[in-house]
Amino acid sequence: MEASEKMTRYFVEIAYKGTQYCGWQFQPDKVSVQSTIDEALSTIFNEKIACMGCGRTDSGVHASQFFLHFEAGNPIPENFLNRINKFLPKDIVVYKIFECDKHARYDATYRAYDYFVHFEKNPFLEGQSFFFPYLPLDFDKMQTAFEMLNHYTDFSPFEKSKSSSRTSLCRIYKTEMKFNETEQKMYLHIAANRFLRGMVRRVVGALIMVGKEKISLQEFKEVMDTQGKFNINISAPAQGLFLSEVRYENFCGLGSV
């Protein structure tokens, strides 16, 4: 490619089931979602492509909505969606592609995660929900603790150790928890401007310990007030976690090919 050739930035919306991957981000000698997408894009565009994702999901974590961007000298190939979805494995799908000058990671202003728990053994939920048969749980206390998070901005008690984050400040936009007694399932939803590494899984783990009365509401509040540590620090398993929504201001992703 000539140095003077104009590069165009493209945004791509995808979704994936993360069970078989080491996470989103490229890792040497491992299969990641990023490396799989890079290979597919490079093949379809007929040039070397390196994409940037809107986040870094851990091994086994899923995404029902995920955005990435990359730059290419070639235009969008004809019949792109059909071609790339045939090339990709069945657990990754591309929904749309469009030109956009935003940065997939740094320009995202809103991210939301869903976490799913089931309390009765169900083989059809394996890998996409956390099986937790150890009832009872005090759902009222869990709800109270979850709603407390809306009043805080520093979430260092839930940050993964040895994290490289420059700040532990996050702005929570929404917390929601629902328990379906008939189906014996629980659903948690949390949205914020950003999340710390491992934060959502640690929040879920702490809430379950509140429900089991291993962590009191008083301790939960004290830890958040002082930015201390919980006496039990549990991270819920990856398989129940989905990155479910990502938003950008003045988003240009209205068209698709």
C-alpha atoms as a PDB file:
ATOM      1  CA  MET A   1       0.000   0.000   0.000  1.00  0.00           C
ATOM      2  CA  GLU A   2       1.354   3.413  -0.914  1.00  0.00           C
ATOM      3  CA  ALA A   3       2.166   5.751   2.013  1.00  0.00           C
ATOM      4  CA  SER A   4      -0.063   8.430   0.509  1.00  0.00           C
ATOM      5  CA  GLU A   5      -3.075   6.118   0.238  1.00  0.00           C
ATOM      6  CA  LYS A   6      -5.937   7.308   2.442  1.00  0.00           C
ATOM      7  CA  MET A   7      -6.906   5.105   5.355  1.00  0.00           C
ATOM      8  CA  THR A   8     -10.545   4.893   6.413  1.00  0.00           C
ATOM      9  CA  ARG A   9     -11.684   4.066   9.937  1.00  0.00           C
ATOM     10  CA  TYR A  10     -14.455   1.500  10.129  1.00  0.00           C
ATOM     11  CA  PHE A  11     -16.649   0.550  13.074  1.00  0.00           C
ATOM     12  CA  VAL A  12     -18.008  -2.986  13.374  1.00  0.00           C
ATOM     13  CA  GLU A  13     -20.759  -4.248  15.673  1.00  0.00           C
ATOM     14  CA  ILE A  14     -20.380  -7.870  16.731  1.00  0.00           C
ATOM     15  CA  ALA A  15     -21.550 -10.354  19.372  1.00  0.00           C
ATOM     16  CA  TYR A  16     -19.840 -13.463  20.652  1.00  0.00           C
ATOM     17  CA  LYS A  17     -20.061 -16.377  23.026  1.00  0.00           C
ATOM     18  CA  GLY A  18     -16.793 -16.290  24.936  1.00  0.00           C
ATOM     19  CA  THR A  19     -16.664 -19.869  26.221  1.00  0.00           C
ATOM     20  CA  GLN A  20     -13.948 -21.075  23.854  1.00  0.00           C
ATOM     21  CA  TYR A  21     -11.781 -17.956  23.986  1.00  0.00           C
ATOM     22  CA  CYS A  22      -9.089 -16.637  26.327  1.00  0.00           C
ATOM     23  CA  GLY A  23     -10.968 -13.332  26.332  1.00  0.00           C
ATOM     24  CA  TRP A  24     -11.264 -10.462  23.900  1.00  0.00           C
ATOM     25  CA  GLN A  25      -7.648  -9.330  23.878  1.00  0.00           C
ATOM     26  CA  PHE A  26      -4.869 -10.959  21.873  1.00  0.00           C
ATOM     27  CA  GLN A  27      -2.625 -13.305  23.865  1.00  0.00           C
ATOM     28  CA  PRO A  28       0.349 -15.192  22.419  1.00  0.00           C
ATOM     29  CA  ASP A  29      -0.302 -18.883  21.701  1.00  0.00           C
ATOM     30  CA  LYS A  30      -3.989 -18.577  22.702  1.00  0.00           C
ATOM     31  CA  VAL A  31      -7.199 -18.105  20.760  1.00  0.00           C
ATOM     32  CA  SER A  32      -8.833 -14.749  21.505  1.00  0.00           C
ATOM     33  CA  VAL A  33     -11.864 -13.048  19.988  1.00  0.00           C
ATOM     34  CA  GLN A  34      -9.612 -10.213  18.789  1.00  0.00           C
ATOM     35  CA  SER A  35      -7.167 -12.476  16.963  1.00  0.00           C
ATOM     36  CA  THR A  36     -10.051 -14.386  15.372  1.00  0.00           C
ATOM     37  CA  ILE A  37     -11.675 -11.160  14.144  1.00  0.00           C
ATOM     38  CA  ASP A  38      -8.334  -9.765  12.922  1.00  0.00           C
ATOM     39  CA  GLU A  39      -7.731 -12.866  10.815  1.00  0.00           C
ATOM     40  CA  ALA A  40     -11.220 -12.715   9.306  1.00  0.00           C
ATOM     41  CA  LEU A  41     -11.033  -8.987   8.514  1.00  0.00           C
ATOM     42  CA  SER A  42      -7.549  -9.310   7.026  1.00  0.00           C
ATOM     43  CA  THR A  43      -8.775 -12.081   4.746  1.00  0.00           C
ATOM     44  CA  ILE A  44     -11.941 -10.311   3.598  1.00  0.00           C
ATOM     45  CA  PHE A  45     -10.273  -6.878   3.145  1.00  0.00           C
ATOM     46  CA  ASN A  46      -7.173  -8.451   1.599  1.00  0.00           C
ATOM     47  CA  GLU A  47      -4.806  -6.416   3.794  1.00  0.00           C
ATOM     48  CA  LYS A  48      -3.381  -6.644   7.297  1.00  0.00           C
ATOM     49  CA  ILE A  49      -6.002  -5.539   9.831  1.00  0.00           C
ATOM     50  CA  ALA A  50      -5.525  -4.911  13.563  1.00  0.00           C
ATOM     51  CA  CYS A  51      -8.725  -3.961  15.372  1.00  0.00           C
ATOM     52  CA  MET A  52      -9.363  -2.129  18.653  1.00  0.00           C
ATOM     53  CA  GLY A  53     -12.251  -3.268  20.848  1.00  0.00           C
ATOM     54  CA  CYS A  54     -14.573  -1.272  23.084  1.00  0.00           C
ATOM     55  CA  GLY A  55     -13.453  -3.291  26.114  1.00  0.00           C
ATOM     56  CA  ARG A  56     -11.443  -6.259  27.293  1.00  0.00           C
ATOM     57  CA  THR A  57     -13.722  -9.089  28.348  1.00  0.00           C
ATOM     58  CA  ASP A  58     -12.060 -11.881  30.339  1.00  0.00           C
ATOM     59  CA  SER A  59     -11.815 -15.540  29.418  1.00  0.00           C
ATOM     60  CA  GLY A  60     -15.267 -17.113  29.186  1.00  0.00           C
ATOM     61  CA  VAL A  61     -17.160 -13.795  29.269  1.00  0.00           C
ATOM     62  CA  HIS A  62     -19.698 -13.145  26.505  1.00  0.00           C
ATOM     63  CA  ALA A  63     -20.836 -10.043  24.619  1.00  0.00           C
ATOM     64  CA  SER A  64     -24.315  -9.576  23.192  1.00  0.00           C
ATOM     65  CA  GLN A  65     -23.180  -6.179  21.899  1.00  0.00           C
ATOM     66  CA  PHE A  66     -19.579  -5.222  21.211  1.00  0.00           C
ATOM     67  CA  PHE A  67     -17.993  -2.580  18.990  1.00  0.00           C
ATOM     68  CA  LEU A  68     -14.546  -2.474  17.443  1.00  0.00           C
ATOM     69  CA  HIS A  69     -12.773  -0.180  15.019  1.00  0.00           C
ATOM     70  CA  PHE A  70      -9.959  -0.627  12.537  1.00  0.00           C
ATOM     71  CA  GLU A  71      -8.352   1.306   9.693  1.00  0.00           C
ATOM     72  CA  ALA A  72      -8.036   0.037   6.135  1.00  0.00           C
ATOM     73  CA  GLY A  73      -6.975   1.364   2.777  1.00  0.00           C
ATOM     74  CA  ASN A  74      -9.461  -0.740   0.846  1.00  0.00           C
ATOM     75  CA  PRO A  75     -13.211  -0.020   0.695  1.00  0.00           C
ATOM     76  CA  ILE A  76     -15.769  -2.311   2.319  1.00  0.00           C
ATOM     77  CA  PRO A  77     -15.808  -5.463   0.166  1.00  0.00           C
ATOM     78  CA  GLU A  78     -18.962  -6.431  -1.685  1.00  0.00           C
ATOM     79  CA  ASN A  79     -21.333  -8.703   0.256  1.00  0.00           C
ATOM     80  CA  PHE A  80     -19.194  -8.138   3.354  1.00  0.00           C
ATOM     81  CA  LEU A  81     -21.574  -9.412   6.051  1.00  0.00           C
ATOM     82  CA  ASN A  82     -22.307 -12.708   4.347  1.00  0.00           C
ATOM     83  CA  ARG A  83     -18.660 -13.304   3.528  1.00  0.00           C
ATOM     84  CA  ILE A  84     -17.226 -12.557   6.958  1.00  0.00           C
ATOM     85  CA  ASN A  85     -19.934 -14.453   8.842  1.00  0.00           C
ATOM     86  CA  LYS A  86     -19.243 -17.526   6.718  1.00  0.00           C
ATOM     87  CA  PHE A  87     -15.537 -17.168   7.519  1.00  0.00           C
ATOM     88  CA  LEU A  88     -15.983 -16.669  11.281  1.00  0.00           C
ATOM     89  CA  PRO A  89     -16.728 -19.534  13.698  1.00  0.00           C
ATOM     90  CA  LYS A  90     -20.319 -20.051  14.807  1.00  0.00           C
ATOM     91  CA  ASP A  91     -19.801 -18.357  18.187  1.00  0.00           C
ATOM     92  CA  ILE A  92     -18.944 -14.939  16.687  1.00  0.00           C
ATOM     93  CA  VAL A  93     -21.288 -12.859  14.520  1.00  0.00           C
ATOM     94  CA  VAL A  94     -20.846  -9.535  12.722  1.00  0.00           C
ATOM     95  CA  TYR A  95     -24.019  -7.423  12.593  1.00  0.00           C
ATOM     96  CA  LYS A  96     -22.935  -4.285  10.772  1.00  0.00           C
ATOM     97  CA  ILE A  97     -20.011  -2.219   9.498  1.00  0.00           C
ATOM     98  CA  PHE A  98     -19.878   1.526   8.868  1.00  0.00           C
ATOM     99  CA  GLU A  99     -17.430   4.390   8.555  1.00  0.00           C
ATOM    100  CA  CYS A 100     -16.860   6.318  11.792  1.00  0.00           C
ATOM    101  CA  ASP A 101     -14.019   8.437  13.165  1.00  0.00           C
ATOM    102  CA  LYS A 102     -14.634   7.576  16.828  1.00  0.00           C
ATOM    103  CA  HIS A 103     -12.399   5.380  18.989  1.00  0.00           C
ATOM    104  CA  ALA A 104     -14.196   2.170  19.996  1.00  0.00           C
ATOM    105  CA  ARG A 105     -12.725   2.098  23.494  1.00  0.00           C
ATOM    106  CA  TYR A 106     -11.966   5.648  24.559  1.00  0.00           C
ATOM    107  CA  ASP A 107     -15.072   7.302  23.092  1.00  0.00           C
ATOM    108  CA  ALA A 108     -17.547   4.896  24.694  1.00  0.00           C
ATOM    109  CA  THR A 109     -19.619   6.788  27.281  1.00  0.00           C
ATOM    110  CA  TYR A 110     -21.933   4.024  28.512  1.00  0.00           C
ATOM    111  CA  ARG A 111     -21.400   0.328  29.105  1.00  0.00           C
ATOM    112  CA  ALA A 112     -23.840  -2.174  30.550  1.00  0.00           C
ATOM    113  CA  TYR A 113     -23.363  -5.727  31.782  1.00  0.00           C
ATOM    114  CA  ASP A 114     -25.883  -8.468  32.502  1.00  0.00           C
ATOM    115  CA  TYR A 115     -25.193 -11.340  34.871  1.00  0.00           C
ATOM    116  CA  PHE A 116     -27.320 -14.504  34.924  1.00  0.00           C
ATOM    117  CA  VAL A 117     -27.685 -17.021  37.760  1.00  0.00           C
ATOM    118  CA  HIS A 118     -29.828 -20.158  37.882  1.00  0.00           C
ATOM    119  CA  PHE A 119     -30.624 -22.153  41.006  1.00  0.00           C
ATOM    120  CA  GLU A 120     -31.857 -25.420  39.474  1.00  0.00           C
ATOM    121  CA  LYS A 121     -29.591 -27.559  37.316  1.00  0.00           C
ATOM    122  CA  ASN A 122     -30.216 -26.872  33.649  1.00  0.00           C
ATOM    123  CA  PRO A 123     -27.889 -28.287  30.965  1.00  0.00           C
ATOM    124  CA  PHE A 124     -29.187 -25.781  28.404  1.00  0.00           C
ATOM    125  CA  LEU A 125     -27.845 -22.867  30.464  1.00  0.00           C
ATOM    126  CA  GLU A 126     -24.402 -24.390  30.923  1.00  0.00           C
ATOM    127  CA  GLY A 127     -21.708 -21.907  29.933  1.00  0.00           C
ATOM    128  CA  GLN A 128     -24.097 -18.945  29.799  1.00  0.00           C
ATOM    129  CA  SER A 129     -25.332 -18.717  33.391  1.00  0.00           C
ATOM    130  CA  PHE A 130     -23.877 -19.393  36.850  1.00  0.00           C
ATOM    131  CA  PHE A 131     -25.393 -22.467  38.533  1.00  0.00           C
ATOM    132  CA  PHE A 132     -25.720 -21.663  42.249  1.00  0.00           C
ATOM    133  CA  PRO A 133     -27.798 -24.325  44.057  1.00  0.00           C
ATOM    134  CA  TYR A 134     -27.032 -23.089  47.579  1.00  0.00           C
ATOM    135  CA  LEU A 135     -30.321 -21.508  48.525  1.00  0.00           C
ATOM    136  CA  PRO A 136     -31.767 -19.793  50.422  1.00  0.00           C
ATOM    137  CA  LEU A 137     -30.556 -16.302  49.543  1.00  0.00           C
ATOM    138  CA  ASP A 138     -31.884 -13.132  51.125  1.00  0.00           C
ATOM    139  CA  PHE A 139     -32.817 -11.298  47.923  1.00  0.00           C
ATOM    140  CA  ASP A 140     -34.078  -8.233  49.788  1.00  0.00           C
ATOM    141  CA  LYS A 141     -30.667  -7.687  51.364  1.00  0.00           C
ATOM    142  CA  MET A 142     -28.966  -8.287  48.033  1.00  0.00           C
ATOM    143  CA  GLN A 143     -31.229  -5.692  46.421  1.00  0.00           C
ATOM    144  CA  THR A 144     -30.463  -3.182  49.179  1.00  0.00           C
ATOM    145  CA  ALA A 145     -26.710  -3.689  48.799  1.00  0.00           C
ATOM    146  CA  PHE A 146     -26.914  -3.452  45.015  1.00  0.00           C
ATOM    147  CA  GLU A 147     -28.833  -0.164  45.195  1.00  0.00           C
ATOM    148  CA  MET A 148     -26.184   1.238  47.567  1.00  0.00           C
ATOM    149  CA  LEU A 149     -23.714   1.254  44.691  1.00  0.00           C
ATOM    150  CA  ASN A 150     -25.617   4.099  43.051  1.00  0.00           C
ATOM    151  CA  HIS A 151     -24.371   6.415  45.833  1.00  0.00           C
ATOM    152  CA  TYR A 152     -20.643   5.778  45.303  1.00  0.00           C
ATOM    153  CA  THR A 153     -18.057   6.749  42.713  1.00  0.00           C
ATOM    154  CA  ASP A 154     -14.939   4.908  43.979  1.00  0.00           C
ATOM    155  CA  PHE A 155     -15.083   1.151  43.413  1.00  0.00           C
ATOM    156  CA  SER A 156     -11.590   0.076  44.434  1.00  0.00           C
ATOM    157  CA  PRO A 157     -13.028  -2.668  46.761  1.00  0.00           C
ATOM    158  CA  PHE A 158     -14.146  -4.480  43.598  1.00  0.00           C
ATOM    159  CA  GLU A 159     -11.011  -3.937  41.530  1.00  0.00           C
ATOM    160  CA  LYS A 160      -8.995  -6.950  40.448  1.00  0.00           C
ATOM    161  CA  SER A 161      -5.583  -7.147  42.102  1.00  0.00           C
ATOM    162  CA  LYS A 162      -2.608  -5.878  40.087  1.00  0.00           C
ATOM    163  CA  SER A 163      -4.928  -3.852  37.892  1.00  0.00           C
ATOM    164  CA  SER A 164      -3.324  -1.223  35.675  1.00  0.00           C
ATOM    165  CA  SER A 165      -6.278   1.203  35.920  1.00  0.00           C
ATOM    166  CA  ARG A 166      -5.226   4.804  36.480  1.00  0.00           C
ATOM    167  CA  THR A 167      -8.320   5.511  38.561  1.00  0.00           C
ATOM    168  CA  SER A 168     -10.946   3.507  40.427  1.00  0.00           C
ATOM    169  CA  LEU A 169     -13.645   6.140  39.848  1.00  0.00           C
ATOM    170  CA  CYS A 170     -16.772   5.075  37.957  1.00  0.00           C
ATOM    171  CA  ARG A 171     -20.169   6.677  37.481  1.00  0.00           C
ATOM    172  CA  ILE A 172     -22.998   4.182  37.950  1.00  0.00           C
ATOM    173  CA  TYR A 173     -26.028   4.862  35.757  1.00  0.00           C
ATOM    174  CA  LYS A 174     -28.277   1.948  36.658  1.00  0.00           C
ATOM    175  CA  THR A 175     -28.544  -1.133  38.866  1.00  0.00           C
ATOM    176  CA  GLU A 176     -31.317  -3.683  38.515  1.00  0.00           C
ATOM    177  CA  MET A 177     -31.871  -7.131  40.017  1.00  0.00           C
ATOM    178  CA  LYS A 178     -34.742  -9.509  39.256  1.00  0.00           C
ATOM    179  CA  PHE A 179     -35.557 -12.917  40.740  1.00  0.00           C
ATOM    180  CA  ASN A 180     -37.880 -15.274  38.889  1.00  0.00           C
ATOM    181  CA  GLU A 181     -39.197 -17.687  41.509  1.00  0.00           C
ATOM    182  CA  THR A 182     -41.050 -19.842  38.959  1.00  0.00           C
ATOM    183  CA  GLU A 183     -38.009 -20.408  36.751  1.00  0.00           C
ATOM    184  CA  GLN A 184     -35.541 -20.244  39.663  1.00  0.00           C
ATOM    185  CA  LYS A 185     -33.355 -17.684  37.920  1.00  0.00           C
ATOM    186  CA  MET A 186     -31.786 -14.359  38.872  1.00  0.00           C
ATOM    187  CA  TYR A 187     -30.744 -11.518  36.592  1.00  0.00           C
ATOM    188  CA  LEU A 188     -28.529  -8.550  37.472  1.00  0.00           C
ATOM    189  CA  HIS A 189     -27.948  -5.504  35.294  1.00  0.00           C
ATOM    190  CA  ILE A 190     -25.419  -2.741  35.923  1.00  0.00           C
ATOM    191  CA  ALA A 191     -24.536   0.221  33.694  1.00  0.00           C
ATOM    192  CA  ALA A 192     -21.769   2.811  34.102  1.00  0.00           C
ATOM    193  CA  ASN A 193     -19.481   5.093  32.148  1.00  0.00           C
ATOM    194  CA  ARG A 194     -16.636   2.622  32.755  1.00  0.00           C
ATOM    195  CA  PHE A 195     -15.799  -0.483  34.779  1.00  0.00           C
ATOM    196  CA  LEU A 196     -12.677  -1.624  36.569  1.00  0.00           C
ATOM    197  CA  ARG A 197     -11.020  -4.885  35.643  1.00  0.00           C
ATOM    198  CA  GLY A 198     -13.036  -7.735  37.154  1.00  0.00           C
ATOM    199  CA  MET A 199     -15.433  -5.287  38.817  1.00  0.00           C
ATOM    200  CA  VAL A 200     -18.794  -6.736  37.778  1.00  0.00           C
ATOM    201  CA  ARG A 201     -17.934 -10.308  38.760  1.00  0.00           C
ATOM    202  CA  ARG A 202     -16.705  -9.106  42.144  1.00  0.00           C
ATOM    203  CA  VAL A 203     -19.861  -7.076  42.678  1.00  0.00           C
ATOM    204  CA  VAL A 204     -21.957 -10.167  41.954  1.00  0.00           C
ATOM    205  CA  GLY A 205     -19.788 -12.267  44.263  1.00  0.00           C
ATOM    206  CA  ALA A 206     -20.189  -9.764  47.102  1.00  0.00           C
ATOM    207  CA  LEU A 207     -23.950  -9.583  46.571  1.00  0.00           C
ATOM    208  CA  ILE A 208     -24.254 -13.362  46.767  1.00  0.00           C
ATOM    209  CA  MET A 209     -22.291 -13.306  50.023  1.00  0.00           C
ATOM    210  CA  VAL A 210     -24.715 -10.663  51.314  1.00  0.00           C
ATOM    211  CA  GLY A 211     -27.552 -12.975  50.326  1.00  0.00           C
ATOM    212  CA  LYS A 212     -25.901 -15.845  52.213  1.00  0.00           C
ATOM    213  CA  GLU A 213     -25.384 -13.507  55.190  1.00  0.00           C
ATOM    214  CA  LYS A 214     -21.618 -13.970  55.001  1.00  0.00           C
ATOM    215  CA  ILE A 215     -21.323 -10.206  54.492  1.00  0.00           C
ATOM    216  CA  SER A 216     -23.681  -7.963  56.442  1.00  0.00           C
ATOM    217  CA  LEU A 217     -25.242  -4.831  55.005  1.00  0.00           C
ATOM    218  CA  GLN A 218     -23.323  -2.862  57.620  1.00  0.00           C
ATOM    219  CA  GLU A 219     -20.009  -4.336  56.466  1.00  0.00           C
ATOM    220  CA  PHE A 220     -20.940  -3.742  52.838  1.00  0.00           C
ATOM    221  CA  LYS A 221     -21.595  -0.061  53.553  1.00  0.00           C
ATOM    222  CA  GLU A 222     -18.475   0.340  55.716  1.00  0.00           C
ATOM    223  CA  VAL A 223     -16.233  -1.146  53.036  1.00  0.00           C
ATOM    224  CA  MET A 224     -17.693   1.183  50.417  1.00  0.00           C
ATOM    225  CA  ASP A 225     -17.461   4.203  52.726  1.00  0.00           C
ATOM    226  CA  THR A 226     -13.806   3.545  53.611  1.00  0.00           C
ATOM    227  CA  GLN A 227     -12.717   1.914  50.328  1.00  0.00           C
ATOM    228  CA  GLY A 228     -11.560  -1.043  52.387  1.00  0.00           C
ATOM    229  CA  LYS A 229     -11.708  -4.778  51.761  1.00  0.00           C
ATOM    230  CA  PHE A 230     -14.417  -7.378  52.297  1.00  0.00           C
ATOM    231  CA  ASN A 231     -13.719 -10.223  54.715  1.00  0.00           C
ATOM    232  CA  ILE A 232     -14.706 -12.541  51.851  1.00  0.00           C
ATOM    233  CA  ASN A 233     -13.540 -11.541  48.371  1.00  0.00           C
ATOM    234  CA  ILE A 234     -15.258 -13.715  45.796  1.00  0.00           C
ATOM    235  CA  SER A 235     -15.403 -13.252  42.038  1.00  0.00           C
ATOM    236  CA  ALA A 236     -18.462 -14.813  40.392  1.00  0.00           C
ATOM    237  CA  PRO A 237     -17.662 -17.173  37.492  1.00  0.00           C
ATOM    238  CA  ALA A 238     -17.171 -15.780  34.004  1.00  0.00           C
ATOM    239  CA  GLN A 239     -19.867 -17.800  32.252  1.00  0.00           C
ATOM    240  CA  GLY A 240     -22.762 -15.757  33.674  1.00  0.00           C
ATOM    241  CA  LEU A 241     -21.440 -12.405  32.467  1.00  0.00           C
ATOM    242  CA  PHE A 242     -22.446 -10.593  29.265  1.00  0.00           C
ATOM    243  CA  LEU A 243     -21.372  -7.187  27.988  1.00  0.00           C
ATOM    244  CA  SER A 244     -24.828  -6.195  26.786  1.00  0.00           C
ATOM    245  CA  GLU A 245     -24.780  -2.554  25.663  1.00  0.00           C
ATOM    246  CA  VAL A 246     -22.244   0.083  24.600  1.00  0.00           C
ATOM    247  CA  ARG A 247     -23.139   3.684  23.734  1.00  0.00           C
ATOM    248  CA  TYR A 248     -21.355   6.649  22.157  1.00  0.00           C
ATOM    249  CA  GLU A 249     -22.328  10.307  21.952  1.00  0.00           C
ATOM    250  CA  ASN A 250     -23.423  11.500  18.492  1.00  0.00           C
ATOM    251  CA  PHE A 251     -22.942   7.968  17.240  1.00  0.00           C
ATOM    252  CA  CYS A 252     -22.519   7.517  13.514  1.00  0.00           C
ATOM    253  CA  GLY A 253     -23.507   3.860  13.374  1.00  0.00           C
ATOM    254  CA  LEU A 254     -26.906   4.322  11.765  1.00  0.00           C
ATOM    255  CA  GLY A 255     -26.015   2.919   8.385  1.00  0.00           C
ATOM    256  CA  SER A 256     -24.801  -0.612   7.708  1.00  0.00           C
ATOM    257  CA  VAL A 257     -23.483  -2.739   4.871  1.00  0.00           C
END
